Amino acid sequence: MTDWYELSFGDDYLLVYKHRDAQGAKQEVERMIGWLRLAPGAKVLDLCCGMGRHSLALAEAGYRVTGVDLSEVLLREAKRFDTRDQVTWHQADMRRLPLEHGEFDAVVNLFTSFGYFREDVEQIKVLREAARVLKPGGRFLLDFLNPAYTTTHLVPHSEREDEGQRIVERRRIEDRYVIKDIVITSPGGEPRHYIERIKLYGLDDFRRMLREAGLDLQNVHGNYDEEIYDPETSRRMILVGVRQ
């Protein structure tokens, strides 16, 4: 049985999320560098790197960067933007990384690239892999949605047109998952259907899973403006910590 994340990160994903910009990634990376206490030239893994916006911003800032993603399409885009071959790219499942033990000074996992699997044990595999490839004392940053804010501000339905194609998105929360149904229709064409499903985790859930993976949580931020995390009102839940 094919999982949703094996189908949804293709060419249509580039259309749906084309509004993401490199400048925003650069600003977020500037904040991350301070939170992670990155030394000049540190080795950083961007886990689930997507189109590589943050990987490239980190490389531009002088870090040695590896980007890993499962999607061949997104990695193709990342490589297209990497005109100076600054980043090492790998196609791999985040639960099984083709990387050495203790290879990295920091691991980042951004834009809710977590919670893809149905079972907690599978999410913990991701965290254990992050811990495995970190040096002792290496640091991690995991940027996840804030469940309470997401529940309160969820937009059930939106429609727009882009590049002549109609994009309809319907969102709901069901059995502890945020589920987005996406339908894209070209003029005179058949609708193309996709689904995105993220398991909702609160801060206590993360504390437990991180501890099981050998990671210590040290700080939680509410967004990239260094807002103090508020469980009810913060837009994001950005977890920063260290390998035990």
C-alpha atoms as a PDB file:
ATOM      1  CA  MET A   1       0.000   0.000   0.000  1.00  0.00           C
ATOM      2  CA  THR A   2       1.423   3.368  -1.038  1.00  0.00           C
ATOM      3  CA  ASP A   3       1.491   6.042   1.675  1.00  0.00           C
ATOM      4  CA  TRP A   4       0.300   9.590   1.045  1.00  0.00           C
ATOM      5  CA  TYR A   5       3.793  11.107   1.271  1.00  0.00           C
ATOM      6  CA  GLU A   6       5.004   8.873  -1.560  1.00  0.00           C
ATOM      7  CA  LEU A   7       2.395  10.412  -3.883  1.00  0.00           C
ATOM      8  CA  SER A   8       1.942  14.015  -2.772  1.00  0.00           C
ATOM      9  CA  PHE A   9       5.440  15.467  -3.192  1.00  0.00           C
ATOM     10  CA  GLY A  10       5.532  15.519  -6.993  1.00  0.00           C
ATOM     11  CA  ASP A  11       5.230  18.183  -9.691  1.00  0.00           C
ATOM     12  CA  ASP A  12       1.815  19.351  -8.453  1.00  0.00           C
ATOM     13  CA  TYR A  13       3.315  20.014  -5.022  1.00  0.00           C
ATOM     14  CA  LEU A  14       5.582  22.589  -6.672  1.00  0.00           C
ATOM     15  CA  LEU A  15       2.469  24.356  -7.952  1.00  0.00           C
ATOM     16  CA  VAL A  16       0.566  24.266  -4.654  1.00  0.00           C
ATOM     17  CA  TYR A  17       3.494  25.589  -2.613  1.00  0.00           C
ATOM     18  CA  LYS A  18       5.195  27.863  -5.133  1.00  0.00           C
ATOM     19  CA  HIS A  19       4.584  30.881  -2.852  1.00  0.00           C
ATOM     20  CA  ARG A  20       7.435  29.879  -0.529  1.00  0.00           C
ATOM     21  CA  ASP A  21      10.381  32.180  -1.091  1.00  0.00           C
ATOM     22  CA  ALA A  22      14.140  32.034  -0.635  1.00  0.00           C
ATOM     23  CA  GLN A  23      14.253  35.323   1.295  1.00  0.00           C
ATOM     24  CA  GLY A  24      11.974  33.923   4.003  1.00  0.00           C
ATOM     25  CA  ALA A  25      14.216  30.874   4.291  1.00  0.00           C
ATOM     26  CA  LYS A  26      17.282  33.105   4.670  1.00  0.00           C
ATOM     27  CA  GLN A  27      15.694  35.024   7.546  1.00  0.00           C
ATOM     28  CA  GLU A  28      14.677  31.796   9.279  1.00  0.00           C
ATOM     29  CA  VAL A  29      18.181  30.387   8.867  1.00  0.00           C
ATOM     30  CA  GLU A  30      19.689  33.493  10.460  1.00  0.00           C
ATOM     31  CA  ARG A  31      17.577  32.824  13.537  1.00  0.00           C
ATOM     32  CA  MET A  32      18.382  29.093  13.518  1.00  0.00           C
ATOM     33  CA  ILE A  33      22.118  29.735  13.482  1.00  0.00           C
ATOM     34  CA  GLY A  34      21.856  31.519  16.819  1.00  0.00           C
ATOM     35  CA  TRP A  35      19.533  28.986  18.392  1.00  0.00           C
ATOM     36  CA  LEU A  36      21.759  26.080  17.318  1.00  0.00           C
ATOM     37  CA  ARG A  37      24.960  27.917  18.328  1.00  0.00           C
ATOM     38  CA  LEU A  38      26.555  26.884  15.057  1.00  0.00           C
ATOM     39  CA  ALA A  39      30.299  27.357  14.824  1.00  0.00           C
ATOM     40  CA  PRO A  40      31.727  28.613  11.502  1.00  0.00           C
ATOM     41  CA  GLY A  41      31.889  25.787   8.975  1.00  0.00           C
ATOM     42  CA  ALA A  42      29.725  23.418  11.055  1.00  0.00           C
ATOM     43  CA  LYS A  43      28.244  20.383   9.318  1.00  0.00           C
ATOM     44  CA  VAL A  44      24.431  20.535   9.111  1.00  0.00           C
ATOM     45  CA  LEU A  45      21.822  18.011   7.962  1.00  0.00           C
ATOM     46  CA  ASP A  46      18.572  19.375   6.530  1.00  0.00           C
ATOM     47  CA  LEU A  47      16.298  16.369   7.082  1.00  0.00           C
ATOM     48  CA  CYS A  48      13.350  16.429   4.652  1.00  0.00           C
ATOM     49  CA  CYS A  49      14.934  19.294   2.734  1.00  0.00           C
ATOM     50  CA  GLY A  50      12.244  19.555   0.049  1.00  0.00           C
ATOM     51  CA  MET A  51      13.207  22.060  -2.630  1.00  0.00           C
ATOM     52  CA  GLY A  52      16.309  22.985  -0.645  1.00  0.00           C
ATOM     53  CA  ARG A  53      15.539  26.592   0.293  1.00  0.00           C
ATOM     54  CA  HIS A  54      16.962  26.269   3.801  1.00  0.00           C
ATOM     55  CA  SER A  55      19.795  23.965   2.726  1.00  0.00           C
ATOM     56  CA  LEU A  56      20.990  26.572   0.240  1.00  0.00           C
ATOM     57  CA  ALA A  57      20.591  29.427   2.728  1.00  0.00           C
ATOM     58  CA  LEU A  58      22.700  27.490   5.238  1.00  0.00           C
ATOM     59  CA  ALA A  59      25.341  26.816   2.571  1.00  0.00           C
ATOM     60  CA  GLU A  60      25.392  30.501   1.625  1.00  0.00           C
ATOM     61  CA  ALA A  61      26.022  31.278   5.298  1.00  0.00           C
ATOM     62  CA  GLY A  62      29.179  29.165   5.180  1.00  0.00           C
ATOM     63  CA  TYR A  63      28.048  25.803   6.551  1.00  0.00           C
ATOM     64  CA  ARG A  64      28.716  22.356   5.114  1.00  0.00           C
ATOM     65  CA  VAL A  65      25.229  21.127   4.303  1.00  0.00           C
ATOM     66  CA  THR A  66      23.647  17.792   3.423  1.00  0.00           C
ATOM     67  CA  GLY A  67      20.014  17.693   2.278  1.00  0.00           C
ATOM     68  CA  VAL A  68      17.924  14.514   2.451  1.00  0.00           C
ATOM     69  CA  ASP A  69      14.459  14.002   1.021  1.00  0.00           C
ATOM     70  CA  LEU A  70      12.359  11.093  -0.222  1.00  0.00           C
ATOM     71  CA  SER A  71      10.952  12.980  -3.214  1.00  0.00           C
ATOM     72  CA  GLU A  72      12.879  12.701  -6.457  1.00  0.00           C
ATOM     73  CA  VAL A  73      10.915  15.658  -7.832  1.00  0.00           C
ATOM     74  CA  LEU A  74      11.756  17.985  -4.930  1.00  0.00           C
ATOM     75  CA  LEU A  75      15.414  16.960  -5.001  1.00  0.00           C
ATOM     76  CA  ARG A  76      15.489  17.688  -8.721  1.00  0.00           C
ATOM     77  CA  GLU A  77      14.306  21.218  -7.966  1.00  0.00           C
ATOM     78  CA  ALA A  78      16.827  21.582  -5.150  1.00  0.00           C
ATOM     79  CA  LYS A  79      19.674  20.566  -7.453  1.00  0.00           C
ATOM     80  CA  ARG A  80      18.438  22.961 -10.127  1.00  0.00           C
ATOM     81  CA  PHE A  81      18.718  25.871  -7.693  1.00  0.00           C
ATOM     82  CA  ASP A  82      22.082  24.644  -6.387  1.00  0.00           C
ATOM     83  CA  THR A  83      23.989  26.104  -9.322  1.00  0.00           C
ATOM     84  CA  ARG A  84      27.343  26.034  -7.509  1.00  0.00           C
ATOM     85  CA  ASP A  85      27.039  22.491  -6.113  1.00  0.00           C
ATOM     86  CA  GLN A  86      27.191  23.775  -2.535  1.00  0.00           C
ATOM     87  CA  VAL A  87      25.033  21.040  -0.965  1.00  0.00           C
ATOM     88  CA  THR A  88      25.338  17.247  -0.850  1.00  0.00           C
ATOM     89  CA  TRP A  89      21.929  15.788  -1.767  1.00  0.00           C
ATOM     90  CA  HIS A  90      20.592  12.324  -0.892  1.00  0.00           C
ATOM     91  CA  GLN A  91      17.287  10.616  -1.697  1.00  0.00           C
ATOM     92  CA  ALA A  92      16.262   8.545   1.323  1.00  0.00           C
ATOM     93  CA  ASP A  93      13.533   7.712   3.832  1.00  0.00           C
ATOM     94  CA  MET A  94      13.996   9.827   6.967  1.00  0.00           C
ATOM     95  CA  ARG A  95      13.758   6.662   9.094  1.00  0.00           C
ATOM     96  CA  ARG A  96      16.781   5.116   7.336  1.00  0.00           C
ATOM     97  CA  LEU A  97      19.509   7.625   6.539  1.00  0.00           C
ATOM     98  CA  PRO A  98      22.494   6.691   4.352  1.00  0.00           C
ATOM     99  CA  LEU A  99      24.782   8.699   6.627  1.00  0.00           C
ATOM    100  CA  GLU A 100      27.546   7.972   9.122  1.00  0.00           C
ATOM    101  CA  HIS A 101      27.195   7.867  12.903  1.00  0.00           C
ATOM    102  CA  GLY A 102      28.128  11.143  14.568  1.00  0.00           C
ATOM    103  CA  GLU A 103      28.653  12.947  11.270  1.00  0.00           C
ATOM    104  CA  PHE A 104      26.832  16.224  11.964  1.00  0.00           C
ATOM    105  CA  ASP A 105      27.051  19.171  14.323  1.00  0.00           C
ATOM    106  CA  ALA A 106      23.346  19.915  13.835  1.00  0.00           C
ATOM    107  CA  VAL A 107      20.189  18.438  12.320  1.00  0.00           C
ATOM    108  CA  VAL A 108      17.185  20.542  11.291  1.00  0.00           C
ATOM    109  CA  ASN A 109      13.707  19.310  10.357  1.00  0.00           C
ATOM    110  CA  LEU A 110      11.561  22.162   9.088  1.00  0.00           C
ATOM    111  CA  PHE A 111       8.061  23.211   8.006  1.00  0.00           C
ATOM    112  CA  THR A 112       6.227  20.351   9.740  1.00  0.00           C
ATOM    113  CA  SER A 113       8.175  17.593   7.987  1.00  0.00           C
ATOM    114  CA  PHE A 114       7.316  15.290  10.873  1.00  0.00           C
ATOM    115  CA  GLY A 115       4.294  13.283  11.972  1.00  0.00           C
ATOM    116  CA  TYR A 116       3.840  11.622   8.573  1.00  0.00           C
ATOM    117  CA  PHE A 117       3.356   8.118   9.975  1.00  0.00           C
ATOM    118  CA  ARG A 118       0.435   6.531  11.794  1.00  0.00           C
ATOM    119  CA  GLU A 119       2.405   4.943  14.640  1.00  0.00           C
ATOM    120  CA  ASP A 120       4.480   6.789  17.236  1.00  0.00           C
ATOM    121  CA  VAL A 121       7.197   4.161  16.935  1.00  0.00           C
ATOM    122  CA  GLU A 122       7.771   5.256  13.326  1.00  0.00           C
ATOM    123  CA  GLN A 123       8.119   8.920  14.317  1.00  0.00           C
ATOM    124  CA  ILE A 124      10.589   7.895  17.018  1.00  0.00           C
ATOM    125  CA  LYS A 125      12.667   6.117  14.363  1.00  0.00           C
ATOM    126  CA  VAL A 126      13.103   9.509  12.683  1.00  0.00           C
ATOM    127  CA  LEU A 127      14.287  11.081  15.923  1.00  0.00           C
ATOM    128  CA  ARG A 128      16.640   8.170  16.621  1.00  0.00           C
ATOM    129  CA  GLU A 129      18.185   8.566  13.185  1.00  0.00           C
ATOM    130  CA  ALA A 130      18.682  12.264  13.879  1.00  0.00           C
ATOM    131  CA  ALA A 131      20.364  11.368  17.172  1.00  0.00           C
ATOM    132  CA  ARG A 132      22.508   8.702  15.498  1.00  0.00           C
ATOM    133  CA  VAL A 133      23.994  11.042  12.908  1.00  0.00           C
ATOM    134  CA  LEU A 134      24.623  13.823  15.433  1.00  0.00           C
ATOM    135  CA  LYS A 135      27.950  14.176  17.194  1.00  0.00           C
ATOM    136  CA  PRO A 136      27.808  13.908  21.000  1.00  0.00           C
ATOM    137  CA  GLY A 137      26.594  17.311  22.091  1.00  0.00           C
ATOM    138  CA  GLY A 138      25.295  18.024  18.579  1.00  0.00           C
ATOM    139  CA  ARG A 139      22.142  20.099  18.384  1.00  0.00           C
ATOM    140  CA  PHE A 140      18.784  19.694  16.674  1.00  0.00           C
ATOM    141  CA  LEU A 141      15.906  21.951  15.631  1.00  0.00           C
ATOM    142  CA  LEU A 142      12.448  20.605  14.805  1.00  0.00           C
ATOM    143  CA  ASP A 143       9.876  23.070  13.469  1.00  0.00           C
ATOM    144  CA  PHE A 144       6.342  21.735  13.916  1.00  0.00           C
ATOM    145  CA  LEU A 145       2.852  23.212  13.908  1.00  0.00           C
ATOM    146  CA  ASN A 146       1.315  24.194  17.240  1.00  0.00           C
ATOM    147  CA  PRO A 147      -1.725  21.902  17.733  1.00  0.00           C
ATOM    148  CA  ALA A 148      -3.949  24.330  19.655  1.00  0.00           C
ATOM    149  CA  TYR A 149      -3.354  27.220  17.253  1.00  0.00           C
ATOM    150  CA  THR A 150      -3.838  24.959  14.254  1.00  0.00           C
ATOM    151  CA  THR A 151      -7.128  23.651  15.637  1.00  0.00           C
ATOM    152  CA  THR A 152      -8.457  27.143  16.346  1.00  0.00           C
ATOM    153  CA  HIS A 153      -7.359  28.751  13.080  1.00  0.00           C
ATOM    154  CA  LEU A 154      -7.858  25.900  10.625  1.00  0.00           C
ATOM    155  CA  VAL A 155      -9.314  27.156   7.320  1.00  0.00           C
ATOM    156  CA  PRO A 156     -11.742  24.410   6.232  1.00  0.00           C
ATOM    157  CA  HIS A 157     -11.872  25.374   2.555  1.00  0.00           C
ATOM    158  CA  SER A 158      -9.931  27.532   0.110  1.00  0.00           C
ATOM    159  CA  GLU A 159      -9.778  27.866  -3.664  1.00  0.00           C
ATOM    160  CA  ARG A 160      -7.464  29.686  -6.035  1.00  0.00           C
ATOM    161  CA  GLU A 161      -6.202  29.656  -9.604  1.00  0.00           C
ATOM    162  CA  ASP A 162      -2.520  29.441 -10.505  1.00  0.00           C
ATOM    163  CA  GLU A 163      -0.915  28.924 -13.908  1.00  0.00           C
ATOM    164  CA  GLY A 164      -4.412  28.383 -15.307  1.00  0.00           C
ATOM    165  CA  GLN A 165      -5.135  25.518 -12.919  1.00  0.00           C
ATOM    166  CA  ARG A 166      -7.797  25.431 -10.221  1.00  0.00           C
ATOM    167  CA  ILE A 167      -6.502  24.446  -6.765  1.00  0.00           C
ATOM    168  CA  VAL A 168      -9.079  23.464  -4.128  1.00  0.00           C
ATOM    169  CA  GLU A 169      -7.900  22.657  -0.580  1.00  0.00           C
ATOM    170  CA  ARG A 170     -10.124  21.232   2.165  1.00  0.00           C
ATOM    171  CA  ARG A 171      -8.788  20.848   5.698  1.00  0.00           C
ATOM    172  CA  ARG A 172     -10.071  19.000   8.742  1.00  0.00           C
ATOM    173  CA  ILE A 173      -8.922  17.505  12.023  1.00  0.00           C
ATOM    174  CA  GLU A 174      -9.860  13.887  12.511  1.00  0.00           C
ATOM    175  CA  ASP A 175      -8.627  11.319  15.051  1.00  0.00           C
ATOM    176  CA  ARG A 176      -5.615  13.471  16.039  1.00  0.00           C
ATOM    177  CA  TYR A 177      -4.582  14.139  12.440  1.00  0.00           C
ATOM    178  CA  VAL A 178      -4.606  17.332  10.425  1.00  0.00           C
ATOM    179  CA  ILE A 179      -5.792  16.226   6.997  1.00  0.00           C
ATOM    180  CA  LYS A 180      -5.678  18.291   3.834  1.00  0.00           C
ATOM    181  CA  ASP A 181      -7.416  17.128   0.650  1.00  0.00           C
ATOM    182  CA  ILE A 182      -6.112  18.831  -2.482  1.00  0.00           C
ATOM    183  CA  VAL A 183      -7.780  18.761  -5.898  1.00  0.00           C
ATOM    184  CA  ILE A 184      -6.054  20.331  -8.911  1.00  0.00           C
ATOM    185  CA  THR A 185      -7.876  20.712 -12.212  1.00  0.00           C
ATOM    186  CA  SER A 186      -6.459  21.887 -15.531  1.00  0.00           C
ATOM    187  CA  PRO A 187      -8.833  23.453 -18.099  1.00  0.00           C
ATOM    188  CA  GLY A 188     -10.677  20.581 -19.753  1.00  0.00           C
ATOM    189  CA  GLY A 189      -8.712  18.028 -17.729  1.00  0.00           C
ATOM    190  CA  GLU A 190      -9.537  15.431 -15.101  1.00  0.00           C
ATOM    191  CA  PRO A 191      -9.146  16.443 -11.430  1.00  0.00           C
ATOM    192  CA  ARG A 192      -5.941  15.262  -9.714  1.00  0.00           C
ATOM    193  CA  HIS A 193      -6.401  14.310  -6.068  1.00  0.00           C
ATOM    194  CA  TYR A 194      -3.841  14.384  -3.249  1.00  0.00           C
ATOM    195  CA  ILE A 195      -3.921  14.084   0.508  1.00  0.00           C
ATOM    196  CA  GLU A 196      -1.596  15.341   3.248  1.00  0.00           C
ATOM    197  CA  ARG A 197      -1.894  13.888   6.748  1.00  0.00           C
ATOM    198  CA  ILE A 198       0.062  15.047   9.801  1.00  0.00           C
ATOM    199  CA  LYS A 199      -0.325  13.495  13.241  1.00  0.00           C
ATOM    200  CA  LEU A 200      -0.855  16.113  15.926  1.00  0.00           C
ATOM    201  CA  TYR A 201       1.645  16.086  18.784  1.00  0.00           C
ATOM    202  CA  GLY A 202       1.756  18.378  21.792  1.00  0.00           C
ATOM    203  CA  LEU A 203       4.813  19.475  23.727  1.00  0.00           C
ATOM    204  CA  ASP A 204       4.535  16.650  26.271  1.00  0.00           C
ATOM    205  CA  ASP A 205       4.372  14.120  23.417  1.00  0.00           C
ATOM    206  CA  PHE A 206       7.574  15.545  21.981  1.00  0.00           C
ATOM    207  CA  ARG A 207       9.327  15.501  25.339  1.00  0.00           C
ATOM    208  CA  ARG A 208       8.556  11.787  25.620  1.00  0.00           C
ATOM    209  CA  MET A 209       9.565  10.888  22.065  1.00  0.00           C
ATOM    210  CA  LEU A 210      12.738  12.952  22.142  1.00  0.00           C
ATOM    211  CA  ARG A 211      13.767  11.350  25.436  1.00  0.00           C
ATOM    212  CA  GLU A 212      13.206   7.884  23.950  1.00  0.00           C
ATOM    213  CA  ALA A 213      15.421   8.859  21.011  1.00  0.00           C
ATOM    214  CA  GLY A 214      18.276  10.102  23.179  1.00  0.00           C
ATOM    215  CA  LEU A 215      17.649  13.808  22.615  1.00  0.00           C
ATOM    216  CA  ASP A 216      17.248  16.485  25.293  1.00  0.00           C
ATOM    217  CA  LEU A 217      14.823  19.342  24.683  1.00  0.00           C
ATOM    218  CA  GLN A 218      16.249  22.669  25.873  1.00  0.00           C
ATOM    219  CA  ASN A 219      14.163  25.472  24.348  1.00  0.00           C
ATOM    220  CA  VAL A 220      10.816  25.952  22.608  1.00  0.00           C
ATOM    221  CA  HIS A 221      10.042  28.965  20.408  1.00  0.00           C
ATOM    222  CA  GLY A 222       6.671  30.071  19.089  1.00  0.00           C
ATOM    223  CA  ASN A 223       7.929  31.351  15.732  1.00  0.00           C
ATOM    224  CA  TYR A 224      11.079  32.640  14.034  1.00  0.00           C
ATOM    225  CA  ASP A 225      10.705  36.056  15.643  1.00  0.00           C
ATOM    226  CA  GLU A 226      11.888  34.355  18.847  1.00  0.00           C
ATOM    227  CA  GLU A 227       8.468  34.674  20.402  1.00  0.00           C
ATOM    228  CA  ILE A 228       8.203  32.783  23.674  1.00  0.00           C
ATOM    229  CA  TYR A 229       6.175  29.649  23.050  1.00  0.00           C
ATOM    230  CA  ASP A 230       2.581  29.818  24.232  1.00  0.00           C
ATOM    231  CA  PRO A 231       0.658  26.514  23.942  1.00  0.00           C
ATOM    232  CA  GLU A 232      -2.563  28.307  23.007  1.00  0.00           C
ATOM    233  CA  THR A 233      -1.514  31.254  20.844  1.00  0.00           C
ATOM    234  CA  SER A 234       1.844  30.490  19.185  1.00  0.00           C
ATOM    235  CA  ARG A 235       1.687  29.699  15.469  1.00  0.00           C
ATOM    236  CA  ARG A 236       4.576  27.227  15.589  1.00  0.00           C
ATOM    237  CA  MET A 237       6.305  24.917  18.049  1.00  0.00           C
ATOM    238  CA  ILE A 238      10.029  25.108  17.295  1.00  0.00           C
ATOM    239  CA  LEU A 239      11.940  22.621  19.427  1.00  0.00           C
ATOM    240  CA  VAL A 240      15.671  23.082  20.033  1.00  0.00           C
ATOM    241  CA  GLY A 241      17.884  20.712  21.953  1.00  0.00           C
ATOM    242  CA  VAL A 242      20.945  18.517  22.120  1.00  0.00           C
ATOM    243  CA  ARG A 243      21.982  14.907  21.685  1.00  0.00           C
ATOM    244  CA  GLN A 244      22.498  13.263  25.077  1.00  0.00           C
END
